[in-house]
Amino acid sequence: MTTPTIQALLSRPCRACGGTEFTHMPKFYIPNPNSAYGFTLVACRQCRLTDLFADIAELEAHKHEIVRVPPAAPFR
């Protein structure tokens, strides 16, 4: 399943270098001694800028903590 955010990343040039070719891995697993966490990975093949998108429900099935911070403008 591709989310609107991932579709947007894959529909325009890389925001860092302008590259137009990406590696998209919809089921990328980061190994852990107790289990594996699934992510979606999008990487620019030119500059290697990489975005990882977590399945929040899958991550929160394990021990976790939710941290809230005061609202502010995005850092860009």
C-alpha atoms as a PDB file:
ATOM      1  CA  MET A   1       0.000   0.000   0.000  1.00  0.00           C
ATOM      2  CA  THR A   2       1.437   3.345  -1.046  1.00  0.00           C
ATOM      3  CA  THR A   3       0.375   6.370   0.985  1.00  0.00           C
ATOM      4  CA  PRO A   4      -0.264   9.821  -0.541  1.00  0.00           C
ATOM      5  CA  THR A   5       3.012  11.050   1.014  1.00  0.00           C
ATOM      6  CA  ILE A   6       5.026   8.320  -0.698  1.00  0.00           C
ATOM      7  CA  GLN A   7       3.173   8.856  -3.990  1.00  0.00           C
ATOM      8  CA  ALA A   8       4.073  12.567  -3.799  1.00  0.00           C
ATOM      9  CA  LEU A   9       7.771  11.771  -3.204  1.00  0.00           C
ATOM     10  CA  LEU A  10       7.820   9.390  -6.167  1.00  0.00           C
ATOM     11  CA  SER A  11       6.061  11.816  -8.520  1.00  0.00           C
ATOM     12  CA  ARG A  12       8.607  14.654  -8.529  1.00  0.00           C
ATOM     13  CA  PRO A  13      12.404  15.105  -8.548  1.00  0.00           C
ATOM     14  CA  CYS A  14      14.432  14.639  -5.371  1.00  0.00           C
ATOM     15  CA  ARG A  15      14.075  17.629  -3.058  1.00  0.00           C
ATOM     16  CA  ALA A  16      17.832  17.602  -2.301  1.00  0.00           C
ATOM     17  CA  CYS A  17      19.542  17.117  -5.684  1.00  0.00           C
ATOM     18  CA  GLY A  18      16.829  17.096  -8.364  1.00  0.00           C
ATOM     19  CA  GLY A  19      17.486  13.425  -9.221  1.00  0.00           C
ATOM     20  CA  THR A  20      14.704  11.624 -11.059  1.00  0.00           C
ATOM     21  CA  GLU A  21      15.357   7.968 -10.203  1.00  0.00           C
ATOM     22  CA  PHE A  22      14.376   6.362  -6.895  1.00  0.00           C
ATOM     23  CA  THR A  23      14.566   3.002  -5.183  1.00  0.00           C
ATOM     24  CA  HIS A  24      11.221   2.161  -3.560  1.00  0.00           C
ATOM     25  CA  MET A  25      11.041  -0.736  -1.113  1.00  0.00           C
ATOM     26  CA  PRO A  26       7.491  -1.155   0.225  1.00  0.00           C
ATOM     27  CA  LYS A  27       8.532  -3.832   2.757  1.00  0.00           C
ATOM     28  CA  PHE A  28      11.917  -2.909   4.220  1.00  0.00           C
ATOM     29  CA  TYR A  29      12.740  -4.617   7.522  1.00  0.00           C
ATOM     30  CA  ILE A  30      15.235  -3.379  10.086  1.00  0.00           C
ATOM     31  CA  PRO A  31      16.432  -6.405  12.050  1.00  0.00           C
ATOM     32  CA  ASN A  32      16.137  -6.388  15.796  1.00  0.00           C
ATOM     33  CA  PRO A  33      17.257  -9.184  18.161  1.00  0.00           C
ATOM     34  CA  ASN A  34      13.635  -9.691  19.289  1.00  0.00           C
ATOM     35  CA  SER A  35      11.705  -8.984  16.078  1.00  0.00           C
ATOM     36  CA  ALA A  36      11.816  -7.097  12.784  1.00  0.00           C
ATOM     37  CA  TYR A  37      10.201  -3.708  12.254  1.00  0.00           C
ATOM     38  CA  GLY A  38       8.665  -3.031   8.845  1.00  0.00           C
ATOM     39  CA  PHE A  39       9.128   0.257   7.009  1.00  0.00           C
ATOM     40  CA  THR A  40       8.631   1.680   3.545  1.00  0.00           C
ATOM     41  CA  LEU A  41      11.876   3.051   2.112  1.00  0.00           C
ATOM     42  CA  VAL A  42      12.294   5.646  -0.661  1.00  0.00           C
ATOM     43  CA  ALA A  43      15.892   6.513  -1.656  1.00  0.00           C
ATOM     44  CA  CYS A  44      17.208   8.838  -4.361  1.00  0.00           C
ATOM     45  CA  ARG A  45      19.616   6.862  -6.553  1.00  0.00           C
ATOM     46  CA  GLN A  46      21.686   9.981  -7.293  1.00  0.00           C
ATOM     47  CA  CYS A  47      22.362  11.581  -3.873  1.00  0.00           C
ATOM     48  CA  ARG A  48      21.114   8.695  -1.674  1.00  0.00           C
ATOM     49  CA  LEU A  49      18.745  10.875   0.356  1.00  0.00           C
ATOM     50  CA  THR A  50      16.577   8.281   2.109  1.00  0.00           C
ATOM     51  CA  ASP A  51      13.123   8.532   3.668  1.00  0.00           C
ATOM     52  CA  LEU A  52      11.763   5.797   5.944  1.00  0.00           C
ATOM     53  CA  PHE A  53       8.051   5.553   6.683  1.00  0.00           C
ATOM     54  CA  ALA A  54       6.966   3.466   9.659  1.00  0.00           C
ATOM     55  CA  ASP A  55       3.797   1.458  10.099  1.00  0.00           C
ATOM     56  CA  ILE A  56       2.793   3.123  13.381  1.00  0.00           C
ATOM     57  CA  ALA A  57       0.379   0.344  14.403  1.00  0.00           C
ATOM     58  CA  GLU A  58       3.115  -2.270  13.918  1.00  0.00           C
ATOM     59  CA  LEU A  59       5.641  -0.251  15.944  1.00  0.00           C
ATOM     60  CA  GLU A  60       3.183   0.513  18.731  1.00  0.00           C
ATOM     61  CA  ALA A  61       2.418  -3.189  19.147  1.00  0.00           C
ATOM     62  CA  HIS A  62       5.789  -3.284  20.948  1.00  0.00           C
ATOM     63  CA  LYS A  63       6.864  -1.405  24.060  1.00  0.00           C
ATOM     64  CA  HIS A  64       6.816   2.304  23.249  1.00  0.00           C
ATOM     65  CA  GLU A  65       6.385   5.791  24.637  1.00  0.00           C
ATOM     66  CA  ILE A  66       4.469   8.711  23.099  1.00  0.00           C
ATOM     67  CA  VAL A  67       6.214  12.085  23.458  1.00  0.00           C
ATOM     68  CA  ARG A  68       4.372  15.356  22.849  1.00  0.00           C
ATOM     69  CA  VAL A  69       6.075  18.704  22.237  1.00  0.00           C
ATOM     70  CA  PRO A  70       4.663  22.230  21.968  1.00  0.00           C
ATOM     71  CA  PRO A  71       3.438  23.154  18.458  1.00  0.00           C
ATOM     72  CA  ALA A  72       5.823  25.139  16.264  1.00  0.00           C
ATOM     73  CA  ALA A  73       6.452  25.873  12.602  1.00  0.00           C
ATOM     74  CA  PRO A  74       8.060  22.995  10.648  1.00  0.00           C
ATOM     75  CA  PHE A  75      11.835  23.129  10.288  1.00  0.00           C
ATOM     76  CA  ARG A  76      12.565  23.531   6.568  1.00  0.00           C
END
